[in-house]
Amino acid sequence: MHGPLTPEPYRVVGRREEVGDVVTLSLEPCTDGASGTYAHGQFNMLTAFGVGEVALSIAGSAGTSGLIEHSVRDVGAVTHALCTVPAGAVVGLRGPFGNGWGIERLPDGPDVVVVAGGIGLAPLRSAVGDLVVREREGRGRVFVVAGARSPDQVLYGDDLDAWRLSGSDVVVTVDVGTPGWEGPVGVVTTVLPDLAFEPGGAWALTCGPEIMMRFVARALVECGVEPARILVSLERNMQCGIGICGHCQLGPLLVCRDGPVVPYGGVADRLLVERGR
């Protein structure tokens, strides 16, 4: 019987180059009994056999039972191996680990503001998909702000268009504009005051570089959002996924076990100033 530290074999059944150095892998279990269920915001540990293992947020389901997607940025030896793995190859997967955004517990009615920076949109992608469905059912408006370094680095363009066509308020802003870019230029916080959301009772979900999340949370508080209703996704050096190795300790938290999603008010507001190990 496999334990939580033993990866299950998963086959790469789809490989999609997103932007620049980001690749999305669609995986299916090679063995019966492997679970394809997860909560929005959880993460898995993916293994490139012979190279190593890395924590990756779950980017969503490919729409087929048992299939799961991960978007990988090529930034190191393990992620490079995963980004270059061909379709049909086998990788290892452990998880899912951690908690999620908990959107199933959100009350009907209040607005939900989602703010992502770069590949920080990956752990929010499946959650936004369900939030858009909630909006169509009249259970609360959705506002999505996605930031990227430049227009050619905007992740999940098709999803952003689909969410916009479904009626959600979607804004994409870039740090540096290029010829032909007609959207806003600037960091994500510059567009928050222009969003027509009702801050009283609103919830917010944000993921991206920690400095971005810190400023986003402060800007949302200035807009009138209750700090405890702002959820952030933390990233630390997660290696075991089950809270025993201690590599991801952040203050009183073991991020793999107590996170990665935590409230800003009373938790992340004190911890986002801590340096990662």
Protein backbone atom coordinates (compact mmCIF):
# COMPACT_ATOMS: atom_id res chain seq x y z
CA MET A 1 0.00 0.00 0.00
CA HIS A 2 1.39 3.40 -0.99
CA GLY A 3 1.99 6.02 1.69
CA PRO A 4 1.74 9.81 1.39
CA LEU A 5 5.44 10.09 0.48
CA THR A 6 5.24 7.63 -2.42
CA PRO A 7 4.36 9.17 -5.79
CA GLU A 8 1.72 7.57 -7.97
CA PRO A 9 2.50 7.19 -11.68
CA TYR A 10 0.59 9.59 -13.94
CA ARG A 11 0.80 9.70 -17.72
CA VAL A 12 1.14 12.97 -19.64
CA VAL A 13 -1.83 12.84 -22.02
CA GLY A 14 -1.69 16.50 -23.04
CA ARG A 15 0.94 19.19 -23.25
CA ARG A 16 0.09 22.82 -24.06
CA GLU A 17 2.59 25.65 -24.36
CA GLU A 18 0.96 28.64 -22.70
CA VAL A 19 3.28 31.65 -22.82
CA GLY A 20 7.04 31.89 -22.94
CA ASP A 21 8.38 29.50 -20.34
CA VAL A 22 5.03 28.13 -19.07
CA VAL A 23 3.66 24.72 -20.09
CA THR A 24 0.39 23.12 -18.98
CA LEU A 25 0.42 19.36 -18.53
CA SER A 26 -2.74 17.22 -18.53
CA LEU A 27 -2.21 14.08 -16.47
CA GLU A 28 -4.19 10.89 -15.96
CA PRO A 29 -3.48 8.14 -13.42
CA CYS A 30 -1.76 5.01 -14.68
CA THR A 31 -3.34 2.87 -11.98
CA ASP A 32 -6.87 2.30 -10.77
CA GLY A 33 -7.84 3.91 -7.51
CA ALA A 34 -5.81 7.11 -7.88
CA SER A 35 -7.96 10.07 -6.88
CA GLY A 36 -8.52 12.89 -9.32
CA THR A 37 -10.53 14.97 -6.86
CA TYR A 38 -9.17 18.15 -5.33
CA ALA A 39 -10.25 21.44 -3.81
CA HIS A 40 -9.60 24.69 -5.65
CA GLY A 41 -6.29 26.05 -4.38
CA GLN A 42 -4.67 22.78 -3.31
CA PHE A 43 -1.32 21.61 -4.64
CA ASN A 44 0.40 18.37 -5.66
CA MET A 45 4.01 17.24 -5.53
CA LEU A 46 5.12 16.34 -9.07
CA THR A 47 8.14 14.14 -9.73
CA ALA A 48 10.34 14.15 -12.79
CA PHE A 49 11.86 10.72 -12.29
CA GLY A 50 15.63 10.84 -12.02
CA VAL A 51 15.61 14.60 -11.44
CA GLY A 52 13.49 15.49 -8.42
CA GLU A 53 10.17 16.64 -7.04
CA VAL A 54 8.47 20.04 -6.85
CA ALA A 55 5.27 21.48 -5.38
CA LEU A 56 2.84 22.74 -8.02
CA SER A 57 -0.60 24.25 -7.61
CA ILE A 58 -3.45 22.46 -9.34
CA ALA A 59 -4.49 24.50 -12.34
CA GLY A 60 -7.75 22.64 -12.87
CA SER A 61 -9.39 19.69 -14.51
CA ALA A 62 -9.22 19.08 -18.24
CA GLY A 63 -12.89 18.13 -18.15
CA THR A 64 -12.40 14.36 -18.29
CA SER A 65 -12.82 12.10 -15.27
CA GLY A 66 -9.47 11.49 -13.62
CA LEU A 67 -7.60 14.11 -15.64
CA ILE A 68 -5.81 16.90 -13.78
CA GLU A 69 -3.82 19.91 -15.03
CA HIS A 70 -0.69 21.66 -13.80
CA SER A 71 0.91 24.76 -15.28
CA VAL A 72 4.69 24.67 -14.88
CA ARG A 73 7.14 27.55 -15.26
CA ASP A 74 10.64 26.55 -16.39
CA VAL A 75 12.80 28.00 -13.59
CA GLY A 76 14.95 25.11 -12.36
CA ALA A 77 16.13 21.57 -12.99
CA VAL A 78 12.89 19.83 -11.96
CA THR A 79 10.54 22.31 -13.60
CA HIS A 80 12.69 22.24 -16.77
CA ALA A 81 12.38 18.45 -16.89
CA LEU A 82 8.60 18.71 -16.45
CA CYS A 83 8.27 21.46 -19.04
CA THR A 84 10.11 19.38 -21.62
CA VAL A 85 8.50 16.02 -20.86
CA PRO A 86 6.79 14.64 -23.99
CA ALA A 87 3.21 13.46 -24.25
CA GLY A 88 3.00 9.79 -23.29
CA ALA A 89 5.72 10.01 -20.66
CA VAL A 90 5.11 9.11 -17.01
CA VAL A 91 5.64 11.45 -14.07
CA GLY A 92 5.04 10.97 -10.36
CA LEU A 93 2.29 12.67 -8.39
CA ARG A 94 1.58 12.93 -4.67
CA GLY A 95 -1.41 14.76 -3.29
CA PRO A 96 -3.52 16.73 -3.20
CA PHE A 97 -2.18 18.59 -0.19
CA GLY A 98 -3.10 21.69 1.79
CA ASN A 99 -6.38 23.54 1.94
CA GLY A 100 -8.27 25.41 -0.74
CA TRP A 101 -10.04 28.71 -1.36
CA GLY A 102 -13.25 27.40 0.18
CA ILE A 103 -15.51 29.07 -2.38
CA GLU A 104 -18.16 26.47 -1.66
CA ARG A 105 -18.50 28.13 1.77
CA LEU A 106 -18.89 31.66 0.46
CA PRO A 107 -22.30 33.19 1.18
CA ASP A 108 -24.55 34.04 -1.73
CA GLY A 109 -24.78 37.70 -2.64
CA PRO A 110 -21.47 39.45 -1.86
CA ASP A 111 -19.07 40.33 -4.66
CA VAL A 112 -15.88 38.29 -5.09
CA VAL A 113 -12.69 39.99 -6.26
CA VAL A 114 -9.91 37.80 -7.69
CA VAL A 115 -6.45 39.31 -8.17
CA ALA A 116 -3.62 37.31 -9.75
CA GLY A 117 -0.08 38.14 -10.76
CA GLY A 118 1.62 36.10 -13.49
CA ILE A 119 1.45 32.36 -12.92
CA GLY A 120 -0.42 33.12 -9.69
CA LEU A 121 -3.52 32.77 -11.88
CA ALA A 122 -2.94 28.99 -12.02
CA PRO A 123 -4.13 28.18 -8.46
CA LEU A 124 -7.11 30.51 -9.02
CA ARG A 125 -8.13 29.22 -12.45
CA SER A 126 -10.51 26.45 -11.42
CA ALA A 127 -11.93 28.56 -8.59
CA VAL A 128 -12.79 31.37 -10.99
CA GLY A 129 -14.51 28.85 -13.25
CA ASP A 130 -16.88 27.90 -10.44
CA LEU A 131 -17.31 31.52 -9.35
CA VAL A 132 -18.42 32.40 -12.88
CA VAL A 133 -21.05 29.67 -12.66
CA ARG A 134 -22.21 31.11 -9.32
CA GLU A 135 -22.47 34.53 -10.95
CA ARG A 136 -24.64 33.17 -13.75
CA GLU A 137 -26.90 31.71 -11.07
CA GLY A 138 -27.24 35.17 -9.51
CA ARG A 139 -25.25 34.28 -6.38
CA GLY A 140 -22.70 37.10 -6.52
CA ARG A 141 -20.73 39.17 -9.00
CA VAL A 142 -17.16 38.26 -9.95
CA PHE A 143 -14.32 40.69 -10.64
CA VAL A 144 -11.04 39.33 -12.00
CA VAL A 145 -7.80 41.32 -12.25
CA ALA A 146 -4.88 39.54 -13.93
CA GLY A 147 -1.44 41.12 -14.10
CA ALA A 148 1.48 40.18 -16.35
CA ARG A 149 4.89 41.58 -17.20
CA SER A 150 3.90 42.20 -20.84
CA PRO A 151 1.04 41.30 -23.20
CA ASP A 152 2.84 38.19 -24.46
CA GLN A 153 3.04 36.92 -20.87
CA VAL A 154 -0.73 36.97 -20.19
CA LEU A 155 -1.70 33.49 -19.02
CA TYR A 156 -4.91 31.64 -19.96
CA GLY A 157 -6.09 34.16 -22.54
CA ASP A 158 -8.91 31.88 -23.69
CA ASP A 159 -10.18 31.50 -20.12
CA LEU A 160 -10.04 35.24 -19.52
CA ASP A 161 -12.11 35.81 -22.67
CA ALA A 162 -14.61 33.12 -21.69
CA TRP A 163 -15.07 34.58 -18.20
CA ARG A 164 -15.59 38.01 -19.71
CA LEU A 165 -18.15 36.68 -22.20
CA SER A 166 -19.98 34.98 -19.32
CA GLY A 167 -20.58 38.39 -17.74
CA SER A 168 -17.75 38.68 -15.25
CA ASP A 169 -15.76 41.90 -14.99
CA VAL A 170 -12.27 40.92 -16.23
CA VAL A 171 -9.35 43.37 -16.36
CA VAL A 172 -5.88 42.49 -17.63
CA THR A 173 -3.05 44.89 -16.88
CA VAL A 174 0.61 44.67 -17.87
CA ASP A 175 3.77 46.21 -16.44
CA VAL A 176 5.05 47.22 -19.87
CA GLY A 177 2.79 47.81 -22.85
CA THR A 178 3.71 46.98 -26.44
CA PRO A 179 2.47 48.40 -29.75
CA GLY A 180 -1.17 47.43 -30.20
CA TRP A 181 -1.86 46.91 -26.49
CA GLU A 182 -5.05 48.76 -25.57
CA GLY A 183 -5.48 47.61 -22.00
CA PRO A 184 -4.23 49.28 -18.83
CA VAL A 185 -0.53 49.54 -18.05
CA GLY A 186 0.57 49.33 -14.44
CA VAL A 187 0.60 47.01 -11.46
CA VAL A 188 -2.64 45.32 -10.40
CA THR A 189 -3.24 47.67 -7.48
CA THR A 190 -3.66 50.61 -9.86
CA VAL A 191 -6.87 49.19 -11.31
CA LEU A 192 -8.52 48.10 -8.05
CA PRO A 193 -10.05 51.52 -7.21
CA ASP A 194 -11.79 51.54 -10.61
CA LEU A 195 -13.59 48.23 -10.09
CA ALA A 196 -17.31 48.68 -9.48
CA PHE A 197 -17.55 46.14 -6.68
CA GLU A 198 -19.30 46.66 -3.38
CA PRO A 199 -16.64 46.30 -0.65
CA GLY A 200 -19.11 45.79 2.18
CA GLY A 201 -19.30 42.02 2.59
CA ALA A 202 -17.02 41.40 -0.42
CA TRP A 203 -14.54 38.55 -0.46
CA ALA A 204 -11.16 38.62 -2.20
CA LEU A 205 -8.81 35.90 -3.43
CA THR A 206 -5.26 36.76 -4.44
CA CYS A 207 -2.17 34.87 -5.54
CA GLY A 208 1.14 35.98 -6.98
CA PRO A 209 4.49 37.25 -5.74
CA GLU A 210 4.34 37.95 -2.03
CA ILE A 211 5.12 41.63 -2.40
CA MET A 212 2.20 41.88 -4.85
CA MET A 213 -0.17 40.11 -2.45
CA ARG A 214 0.89 42.38 0.39
CA PHE A 215 0.12 45.53 -1.59
CA VAL A 216 -3.08 44.06 -3.06
CA ALA A 217 -4.37 43.18 0.39
CA ARG A 218 -3.57 46.65 1.72
CA ALA A 219 -5.27 48.26 -1.28
CA LEU A 220 -8.37 46.12 -0.80
CA VAL A 221 -8.52 47.09 2.86
CA GLU A 222 -8.29 50.74 1.83
CA CYS A 223 -11.22 50.10 -0.52
CA GLY A 224 -13.25 48.85 2.44
CA VAL A 225 -12.84 45.06 2.26
CA GLU A 226 -12.68 43.36 5.64
CA PRO A 227 -9.14 41.94 6.16
CA ALA A 228 -10.49 38.57 7.32
CA ARG A 229 -12.36 38.24 4.00
CA ILE A 230 -9.14 38.57 1.97
CA LEU A 231 -7.58 35.17 1.23
CA VAL A 232 -3.99 34.78 0.04
CA SER A 233 -2.10 31.73 -1.21
CA LEU A 234 1.34 31.42 0.34
CA GLU A 235 4.33 29.75 -1.27
CA ARG A 236 7.23 28.31 0.65
CA ASN A 237 9.79 25.53 0.22
CA MET A 238 7.33 22.63 0.43
CA GLN A 239 9.01 19.24 0.27
CA CYS A 240 6.98 16.64 2.15
CA GLY A 241 3.48 18.07 1.72
CA ILE A 242 2.26 16.65 5.02
CA GLY A 243 3.86 18.90 7.63
CA ILE A 244 6.68 16.68 8.90
CA CYS A 245 9.87 18.06 7.33
CA GLY A 246 9.49 21.68 8.47
CA HIS A 247 10.98 23.25 5.34
CA CYS A 248 7.87 25.34 4.71
CA GLN A 249 7.55 26.76 8.23
CA LEU A 250 6.40 30.37 8.25
CA GLY A 251 6.01 31.72 11.75
CA PRO A 252 3.53 29.41 13.51
CA LEU A 253 2.39 27.83 10.22
CA LEU A 254 3.53 24.85 8.23
CA VAL A 255 2.35 26.14 4.87
CA CYS A 256 1.84 22.71 3.28
CA ARG A 257 -0.45 21.67 6.12
CA ASP A 258 -1.99 24.91 7.43
CA GLY A 259 -2.10 26.62 4.02
CA PRO A 260 -1.39 27.43 1.34
CA VAL A 261 -4.60 29.49 1.53
CA VAL A 262 -4.87 31.63 4.67
CA PRO A 263 -6.77 34.80 5.57
CA TYR A 264 -4.87 38.05 5.32
CA GLY A 265 -6.40 39.56 8.46
CA GLY A 266 -4.85 38.13 11.61
CA VAL A 267 -2.55 35.69 9.79
CA ALA A 268 -0.86 36.72 6.53
CA ASP A 269 -0.74 40.40 7.48
CA ARG A 270 1.85 39.43 10.08
CA LEU A 271 3.63 36.75 8.07
CA LEU A 272 4.09 38.22 4.59
CA VAL A 273 7.02 40.26 5.89
CA GLU A 274 8.92 37.05 6.74
CA ARG A 275 11.59 35.90 4.28
CA GLY A 276 11.37 32.42 2.81
CA ARG A 277 14.00 29.86 3.67
